[in-house]
Amino acid sequence: MSPQLVLATIMLATLGGLSSVPAFAQGHMGTPQEQKACSRDASRFCRKELGNDMAVQGCLQANRAKLSQACSKVFQSHGM
């Protein structure tokens, strides 16, 4: 699975409010920790894109310099 697809599923799970449900049960790849790491940044920088996981991912990448350290590490861990 590509790093972009993994991050897209993380964003979808995060923004869908599914972080309290095990990721595997919902069909998403991101760990609860990864979801939590980026949820605040997604809400802060990408509010208009919420609900469109690919757009949120692009928005977060466009705001890389502003992301929290935790969310930046998620991107780095997936080779992005």
PDB file of N, CA and C in Angstrom:
ATOM      1  N   MET A   1       0.844  -1.171   0.000  1.00  0.00           N
ATOM      2  CA  MET A   1       0.000   0.000   0.000  1.00  0.00           C
ATOM      3  C   MET A   1       0.890   1.235   0.000  1.00  0.00           C
ATOM      4  N   SER A   2       0.546   2.226  -0.805  1.00  0.00           N
ATOM      5  CA  SER A   2       1.378   3.418  -0.923  1.00  0.00           C
ATOM      6  C   SER A   2       1.285   4.272   0.332  1.00  0.00           C
ATOM      7  N   PRO A   3       2.332   5.053   0.619  1.00  0.00           N
ATOM      8  CA  PRO A   3       2.301   5.944   1.779  1.00  0.00           C
ATOM      9  C   PRO A   3       1.135   6.929   1.698  1.00  0.00           C
ATOM     10  N   GLN A   4       0.809   7.399   0.488  1.00  0.00           N
ATOM     11  CA  GLN A   4      -0.291   8.353   0.335  1.00  0.00           C
ATOM     12  C   GLN A   4      -1.625   7.719   0.726  1.00  0.00           C
ATOM     13  N   LEU A   5      -1.828   6.472   0.332  1.00  0.00           N
ATOM     14  CA  LEU A   5      -3.081   5.796   0.664  1.00  0.00           C
ATOM     15  C   LEU A   5      -3.182   5.538   2.162  1.00  0.00           C
ATOM     16  N   VAL A   6      -2.066   5.183   2.778  1.00  0.00           N
ATOM     17  CA  VAL A   6      -2.061   4.963   4.223  1.00  0.00           C
ATOM     18  C   VAL A   6      -2.433   6.258   4.939  1.00  0.00           C
ATOM     19  N   LEU A   7      -1.819   7.364   4.531  1.00  0.00           N
ATOM     20  CA  LEU A   7      -2.138   8.639   5.174  1.00  0.00           C
ATOM     21  C   LEU A   7      -3.574   9.072   4.899  1.00  0.00           C
ATOM     22  N   ALA A   8      -4.058   8.784   3.715  1.00  0.00           N
ATOM     23  CA  ALA A   8      -5.448   9.132   3.405  1.00  0.00           C
ATOM     24  C   ALA A   8      -6.402   8.390   4.324  1.00  0.00           C
ATOM     25  N   THR A   9      -6.133   7.121   4.577  1.00  0.00           N
ATOM     26  CA  THR A   9      -7.009   6.365   5.463  1.00  0.00           C
ATOM     27  C   THR A   9      -6.872   6.850   6.904  1.00  0.00           C
ATOM     28  N   ILE A  10      -5.678   7.279   7.283  1.00  0.00           N
ATOM     29  CA  ILE A  10      -5.494   7.856   8.623  1.00  0.00           C
ATOM     30  C   ILE A  10      -6.354   9.100   8.754  1.00  0.00           C
ATOM     31  N   MET A  11      -6.308   9.965   7.757  1.00  0.00           N
ATOM     32  CA  MET A  11      -7.077  11.208   7.802  1.00  0.00           C
ATOM     33  C   MET A  11      -8.568  10.920   7.821  1.00  0.00           C
ATOM     34  N   LEU A  12      -9.000   9.985   7.009  1.00  0.00           N
ATOM     35  CA  LEU A  12     -10.417   9.651   6.978  1.00  0.00           C
ATOM     36  C   LEU A  12     -10.882   9.158   8.340  1.00  0.00           C
ATOM     37  N   ALA A  13     -10.119   8.294   8.942  1.00  0.00           N
ATOM     38  CA  ALA A  13     -10.488   7.769  10.250  1.00  0.00           C
ATOM     39  C   ALA A  13     -10.473   8.866  11.303  1.00  0.00           C
ATOM     40  N   THR A  14      -9.476   9.716  11.241  1.00  0.00           N
ATOM     41  CA  THR A  14      -9.344  10.799  12.211  1.00  0.00           C
ATOM     42  C   THR A  14     -10.507  11.767  12.097  1.00  0.00           C
ATOM     43  N   LEU A  15     -10.768  12.200  10.900  1.00  0.00           N
ATOM     44  CA  LEU A  15     -11.773  13.227  10.685  1.00  0.00           C
ATOM     45  C   LEU A  15     -13.187  12.686  10.766  1.00  0.00           C
ATOM     46  N   GLY A  16     -13.307  11.389  10.656  1.00  0.00           N
ATOM     47  CA  GLY A  16     -14.622  10.776  10.780  1.00  0.00           C
ATOM     48  C   GLY A  16     -15.007  10.504  12.223  1.00  0.00           C
ATOM     49  N   GLY A  17     -14.145  10.871  13.152  1.00  0.00           N
ATOM     50  CA  GLY A  17     -14.442  10.662  14.556  1.00  0.00           C
ATOM     51  C   GLY A  17     -14.354   9.217  14.975  1.00  0.00           C
ATOM     52  N   LEU A  18     -13.534   8.437  14.295  1.00  0.00           N
ATOM     53  CA  LEU A  18     -13.462   7.014  14.570  1.00  0.00           C
ATOM     54  C   LEU A  18     -12.284   6.636  15.445  1.00  0.00           C
ATOM     55  N   SER A  19     -11.580   7.611  15.989  1.00  0.00           N
ATOM     56  CA  SER A  19     -10.354   7.303  16.716  1.00  0.00           C
ATOM     57  C   SER A  19     -10.606   6.460  17.963  1.00  0.00           C
ATOM     58  N   SER A  20     -11.825   6.445  18.474  1.00  0.00           N
ATOM     59  CA  SER A  20     -12.099   5.624  19.650  1.00  0.00           C
ATOM     60  C   SER A  20     -12.455   4.185  19.277  1.00  0.00           C
ATOM     61  N   VAL A  21     -12.643   3.928  17.974  1.00  0.00           N
ATOM     62  CA  VAL A  21     -12.962   2.596  17.490  1.00  0.00           C
ATOM     63  C   VAL A  21     -11.691   2.008  16.878  1.00  0.00           C
ATOM     64  N   PRO A  22     -11.388   0.760  17.140  1.00  0.00           N
ATOM     65  CA  PRO A  22     -10.183   0.181  16.547  1.00  0.00           C
ATOM     66  C   PRO A  22     -10.147   0.382  15.037  1.00  0.00           C
ATOM     67  N   ALA A  23      -8.992   0.829  14.538  1.00  0.00           N
ATOM     68  CA  ALA A  23      -8.859   1.173  13.125  1.00  0.00           C
ATOM     69  C   ALA A  23      -9.191  -0.011  12.227  1.00  0.00           C
ATOM     70  N   PHE A  24      -8.742  -1.198  12.573  1.00  0.00           N
ATOM     71  CA  PHE A  24      -8.982  -2.355  11.724  1.00  0.00           C
ATOM     72  C   PHE A  24     -10.475  -2.646  11.586  1.00  0.00           C
ATOM     73  N   ALA A  25     -11.217  -2.478  12.653  1.00  0.00           N
ATOM     74  CA  ALA A  25     -12.649  -2.762  12.624  1.00  0.00           C
ATOM     75  C   ALA A  25     -13.381  -1.825  11.669  1.00  0.00           C
ATOM     76  N   GLN A  26     -12.841  -0.641  11.465  1.00  0.00           N
ATOM     77  CA  GLN A  26     -13.480   0.320  10.586  1.00  0.00           C
ATOM     78  C   GLN A  26     -12.927   0.262   9.165  1.00  0.00           C
ATOM     79  N   GLY A  27     -11.935  -0.580   8.913  1.00  0.00           N
ATOM     80  CA  GLY A  27     -11.369  -0.679   7.586  1.00  0.00           C
ATOM     81  C   GLY A  27     -10.334   0.384   7.289  1.00  0.00           C
ATOM     82  N   HIS A  28      -9.801   1.029   8.298  1.00  0.00           N
ATOM     83  CA  HIS A  28      -8.802   2.074   8.119  1.00  0.00           C
ATOM     84  C   HIS A  28      -7.448   1.576   8.604  1.00  0.00           C
ATOM     85  N   MET A  29      -6.397   2.108   7.986  1.00  0.00           N
ATOM     86  CA  MET A  29      -5.066   1.610   8.257  1.00  0.00           C
ATOM     87  C   MET A  29      -4.328   2.352   9.363  1.00  0.00           C
ATOM     88  N   GLY A  30      -4.641   3.576   9.623  1.00  0.00           N
ATOM     89  CA  GLY A  30      -3.918   4.356  10.613  1.00  0.00           C
ATOM     90  C   GLY A  30      -4.157   3.851  12.017  1.00  0.00           C
ATOM     91  N   THR A  31      -3.103   3.890  12.798  1.00  0.00           N
ATOM     92  CA  THR A  31      -3.257   3.506  14.195  1.00  0.00           C
ATOM     93  C   THR A  31      -4.000   4.608  14.939  1.00  0.00           C
ATOM     94  N   PRO A  32      -4.585   4.292  16.070  1.00  0.00           N
ATOM     95  CA  PRO A  32      -5.235   5.340  16.861  1.00  0.00           C
ATOM     96  C   PRO A  32      -4.257   6.462  17.220  1.00  0.00           C
ATOM     97  N   GLN A  33      -2.989   6.121  17.449  1.00  0.00           N
ATOM     98  CA  GLN A  33      -1.993   7.134  17.780  1.00  0.00           C
ATOM     99  C   GLN A  33      -1.738   8.060  16.585  1.00  0.00           C
ATOM    100  N   GLU A  34      -1.671   7.497  15.386  1.00  0.00           N
ATOM    101  CA  GLU A  34      -1.467   8.321  14.192  1.00  0.00           C
ATOM    102  C   GLU A  34      -2.664   9.227  13.944  1.00  0.00           C
ATOM    103  N   GLN A  35      -3.844   8.687  14.139  1.00  0.00           N
ATOM    104  CA  GLN A  35      -5.060   9.480  13.970  1.00  0.00           C
ATOM    105  C   GLN A  35      -5.066  10.657  14.937  1.00  0.00           C
ATOM    106  N   LYS A  36      -4.756  10.361  16.178  1.00  0.00           N
ATOM    107  CA  LYS A  36      -4.747  11.408  17.202  1.00  0.00           C
ATOM    108  C   LYS A  36      -3.683  12.462  16.909  1.00  0.00           C
ATOM    109  N   ALA A  37      -2.535  12.026  16.395  1.00  0.00           N
ATOM    110  CA  ALA A  37      -1.425  12.937  16.133  1.00  0.00           C
ATOM    111  C   ALA A  37      -1.790  14.023  15.126  1.00  0.00           C
ATOM    112  N   CYS A  38      -2.652  13.720  14.162  1.00  0.00           N
ATOM    113  CA  CYS A  38      -2.958  14.679  13.095  1.00  0.00           C
ATOM    114  C   CYS A  38      -4.346  15.300  13.179  1.00  0.00           C
ATOM    115  N   SER A  39      -5.186  14.836  14.065  1.00  0.00           N
ATOM    116  CA  SER A  39      -6.568  15.327  14.074  1.00  0.00           C
ATOM    117  C   SER A  39      -6.659  16.822  14.384  1.00  0.00           C
ATOM    118  N   ARG A  40      -5.878  17.301  15.321  1.00  0.00           N
ATOM    119  CA  ARG A  40      -5.939  18.729  15.668  1.00  0.00           C
ATOM    120  C   ARG A  40      -5.418  19.594  14.516  1.00  0.00           C
ATOM    121  N   ASP A  41      -4.328  19.156  13.885  1.00  0.00           N
ATOM    122  CA  ASP A  41      -3.793  19.901  12.746  1.00  0.00           C
ATOM    123  C   ASP A  41      -4.789  19.929  11.598  1.00  0.00           C
ATOM    124  N   ALA A  42      -5.448  18.813  11.335  1.00  0.00           N
ATOM    125  CA  ALA A  42      -6.440  18.753  10.262  1.00  0.00           C
ATOM    126  C   ALA A  42      -7.584  19.717  10.546  1.00  0.00           C
ATOM    127  N   SER A  43      -8.044  19.751  11.772  1.00  0.00           N
ATOM    128  CA  SER A  43      -9.125  20.665  12.133  1.00  0.00           C
ATOM    129  C   SER A  43      -8.687  22.123  12.050  1.00  0.00           C
ATOM    130  N   ARG A  44      -7.455  22.365  12.410  1.00  0.00           N
ATOM    131  CA  ARG A  44      -6.929  23.739  12.442  1.00  0.00           C
ATOM    132  C   ARG A  44      -6.635  24.289  11.051  1.00  0.00           C
ATOM    133  N   PHE A  45      -5.966  23.503  10.214  1.00  0.00           N
ATOM    134  CA  PHE A  45      -5.494  24.003   8.931  1.00  0.00           C
ATOM    135  C   PHE A  45      -6.362  23.605   7.745  1.00  0.00           C
ATOM    136  N   CYS A  46      -7.171  22.583   7.900  1.00  0.00           N
ATOM    137  CA  CYS A  46      -7.850  22.002   6.742  1.00  0.00           C
ATOM    138  C   CYS A  46      -9.356  21.882   6.933  1.00  0.00           C
ATOM    139  N   ARG A  47      -9.924  22.771   7.685  1.00  0.00           N
ATOM    140  CA  ARG A  47     -11.351  22.707   8.015  1.00  0.00           C
ATOM    141  C   ARG A  47     -12.230  22.588   6.765  1.00  0.00           C
ATOM    142  N   LYS A  48     -11.902  23.339   5.717  1.00  0.00           N
ATOM    143  CA  LYS A  48     -12.727  23.333   4.499  1.00  0.00           C
ATOM    144  C   LYS A  48     -12.689  21.989   3.781  1.00  0.00           C
ATOM    145  N   GLU A  49     -11.623  21.231   3.994  1.00  0.00           N
ATOM    146  CA  GLU A  49     -11.460  19.952   3.304  1.00  0.00           C
ATOM    147  C   GLU A  49     -11.989  18.763   4.094  1.00  0.00           C
ATOM    148  N   LEU A  50     -12.420  18.979   5.324  1.00  0.00           N
ATOM    149  CA  LEU A  50     -12.886  17.870   6.150  1.00  0.00           C
ATOM    150  C   LEU A  50     -13.975  17.093   5.422  1.00  0.00           C
ATOM    151  N   GLY A  51     -13.831  15.790   5.445  1.00  0.00           N
ATOM    152  CA  GLY A  51     -14.762  14.923   4.737  1.00  0.00           C
ATOM    153  C   GLY A  51     -14.206  14.423   3.411  1.00  0.00           C
ATOM    154  N   ASN A  52     -13.146  15.051   2.934  1.00  0.00           N
ATOM    155  CA  ASN A  52     -12.477  14.627   1.701  1.00  0.00           C
ATOM    156  C   ASN A  52     -11.049  14.267   2.084  1.00  0.00           C
ATOM    157  N   ASP A  53     -10.813  12.989   2.348  1.00  0.00           N
ATOM    158  CA  ASP A  53      -9.533  12.564   2.914  1.00  0.00           C
ATOM    159  C   ASP A  53      -8.329  12.910   2.055  1.00  0.00           C
ATOM    160  N   MET A  54      -8.458  12.815   0.742  1.00  0.00           N
ATOM    161  CA  MET A  54      -7.322  13.157  -0.120  1.00  0.00           C
ATOM    162  C   MET A  54      -7.032  14.655  -0.068  1.00  0.00           C
ATOM    163  N   ALA A  55      -8.071  15.464   0.001  1.00  0.00           N
ATOM    164  CA  ALA A  55      -7.880  16.909   0.094  1.00  0.00           C
ATOM    165  C   ALA A  55      -7.247  17.285   1.434  1.00  0.00           C
ATOM    166  N   VAL A  56      -7.647  16.608   2.494  1.00  0.00           N
ATOM    167  CA  VAL A  56      -7.061  16.869   3.808  1.00  0.00           C
ATOM    168  C   VAL A  56      -5.577  16.511   3.792  1.00  0.00           C
ATOM    169  N   GLN A  57      -5.254  15.379   3.201  1.00  0.00           N
ATOM    170  CA  GLN A  57      -3.851  14.982   3.120  1.00  0.00           C
ATOM    171  C   GLN A  57      -3.044  16.035   2.363  1.00  0.00           C
ATOM    172  N   GLY A  58      -3.570  16.486   1.235  1.00  0.00           N
ATOM    173  CA  GLY A  58      -2.882  17.520   0.463  1.00  0.00           C
ATOM    174  C   GLY A  58      -2.735  18.804   1.238  1.00  0.00           C
ATOM    175  N   CYS A  59      -3.767  19.163   1.967  1.00  0.00           N
ATOM    176  CA  CYS A  59      -3.740  20.366   2.793  1.00  0.00           C
ATOM    177  C   CYS A  59      -2.685  20.251   3.891  1.00  0.00           C
ATOM    178  N   LEU A  60      -2.649  19.107   4.555  1.00  0.00           N
ATOM    179  CA  LEU A  60      -1.646  18.921   5.600  1.00  0.00           C
ATOM    180  C   LEU A  60      -0.243  18.973   5.018  1.00  0.00           C
ATOM    181  N   GLN A  61      -0.053  18.383   3.847  1.00  0.00           N
ATOM    182  CA  GLN A  61       1.260  18.438   3.209  1.00  0.00           C
ATOM    183  C   GLN A  61       1.621  19.879   2.846  1.00  0.00           C
ATOM    184  N   ALA A  62       0.643  20.650   2.393  1.00  0.00           N
ATOM    185  CA  ALA A  62       0.882  22.051   2.054  1.00  0.00           C
ATOM    186  C   ALA A  62       1.234  22.883   3.286  1.00  0.00           C
ATOM    187  N   ASN A  63       0.817  22.403   4.442  1.00  0.00           N
ATOM    188  CA  ASN A  63       1.071  23.116   5.700  1.00  0.00           C
ATOM    189  C   ASN A  63       2.128  22.425   6.548  1.00  0.00           C
ATOM    190  N   ARG A  64       2.997  21.632   5.921  1.00  0.00           N
ATOM    191  CA  ARG A  64       4.001  20.851   6.651  1.00  0.00           C
ATOM    192  C   ARG A  64       4.790  21.676   7.659  1.00  0.00           C
ATOM    193  N   ALA A  65       5.166  22.876   7.298  1.00  0.00           N
ATOM    194  CA  ALA A  65       5.977  23.714   8.191  1.00  0.00           C
ATOM    195  C   ALA A  65       5.218  24.114   9.453  1.00  0.00           C
ATOM    196  N   LYS A  66       3.908  24.055   9.415  1.00  0.00           N
ATOM    197  CA  LYS A  66       3.081  24.479  10.546  1.00  0.00           C
ATOM    198  C   LYS A  66       2.572  23.318  11.391  1.00  0.00           C
ATOM    199  N   LEU A  67       2.760  22.085  10.928  1.00  0.00           N
ATOM    200  CA  LEU A  67       2.199  20.936  11.636  1.00  0.00           C
ATOM    201  C   LEU A  67       2.868  20.703  12.976  1.00  0.00           C
ATOM    202  N   SER A  68       2.111  20.121  13.864  1.00  0.00           N
ATOM    203  CA  SER A  68       2.665  19.725  15.157  1.00  0.00           C
ATOM    204  C   SER A  68       3.766  18.700  14.921  1.00  0.00           C
ATOM    205  N   GLN A  69       4.636  18.578  15.879  1.00  0.00           N
ATOM    206  CA  GLN A  69       5.728  17.617  15.772  1.00  0.00           C
ATOM    207  C   GLN A  69       5.178  16.194  15.614  1.00  0.00           C
ATOM    208  N   ALA A  70       4.127  15.889  16.338  1.00  0.00           N
ATOM    209  CA  ALA A  70       3.546  14.540  16.282  1.00  0.00           C
ATOM    210  C   ALA A  70       3.012  14.214  14.889  1.00  0.00           C
ATOM    211  N   CYS A  71       2.307  15.138  14.278  1.00  0.00           N
ATOM    212  CA  CYS A  71       1.753  14.890  12.950  1.00  0.00           C
ATOM    213  C   CYS A  71       2.875  14.847  11.902  1.00  0.00           C
ATOM    214  N   SER A  72       3.865  15.689  12.043  1.00  0.00           N
ATOM    215  CA  SER A  72       5.008  15.657  11.139  1.00  0.00           C
ATOM    216  C   SER A  72       5.686  14.291  11.179  1.00  0.00           C
ATOM    217  N   LYS A  73       5.775  13.705  12.369  1.00  0.00           N
ATOM    218  CA  LYS A  73       6.379  12.384  12.493  1.00  0.00           C
ATOM    219  C   LYS A  73       5.566  11.324  11.786  1.00  0.00           C
ATOM    220  N   VAL A  74       4.247  11.459  11.762  1.00  0.00           N
ATOM    221  CA  VAL A  74       3.403  10.511  11.038  1.00  0.00           C
ATOM    222  C   VAL A  74       3.750  10.558   9.554  1.00  0.00           C
ATOM    223  N   PHE A  75       3.843  11.755   8.996  1.00  0.00           N
ATOM    224  CA  PHE A  75       4.196  11.890   7.588  1.00  0.00           C
ATOM    225  C   PHE A  75       5.582  11.308   7.336  1.00  0.00           C
ATOM    226  N   GLN A  76       6.534  11.615   8.192  1.00  0.00           N
ATOM    227  CA  GLN A  76       7.894  11.110   8.025  1.00  0.00           C
ATOM    228  C   GLN A  76       7.921   9.584   8.090  1.00  0.00           C
ATOM    229  N   SER A  77       7.155   9.012   8.987  1.00  0.00           N
ATOM    230  CA  SER A  77       7.163   7.556   9.154  1.00  0.00           C
ATOM    231  C   SER A  77       6.611   6.825   7.930  1.00  0.00           C
ATOM    232  N   HIS A  78       5.859   7.551   7.089  1.00  0.00           N
ATOM    233  CA  HIS A  78       5.305   6.968   5.877  1.00  0.00           C
ATOM    234  C   HIS A  78       6.056   7.444   4.630  1.00  0.00           C
ATOM    235  N   GLY A  79       7.248   7.977   4.860  1.00  0.00           N
ATOM    236  CA  GLY A  79       8.104   8.369   3.739  1.00  0.00           C
ATOM    237  C   GLY A  79       7.651   9.587   2.995  1.00  0.00           C
ATOM    238  N   MET A  80       6.966  10.463   3.686  1.00  0.00           N
ATOM    239  CA  MET A  80       6.459  11.678   3.034  1.00  0.00           C
ATOM    240  C   MET A  80       7.030  12.909   3.696  1.00  0.00           C
TER     241      MET A  80
END
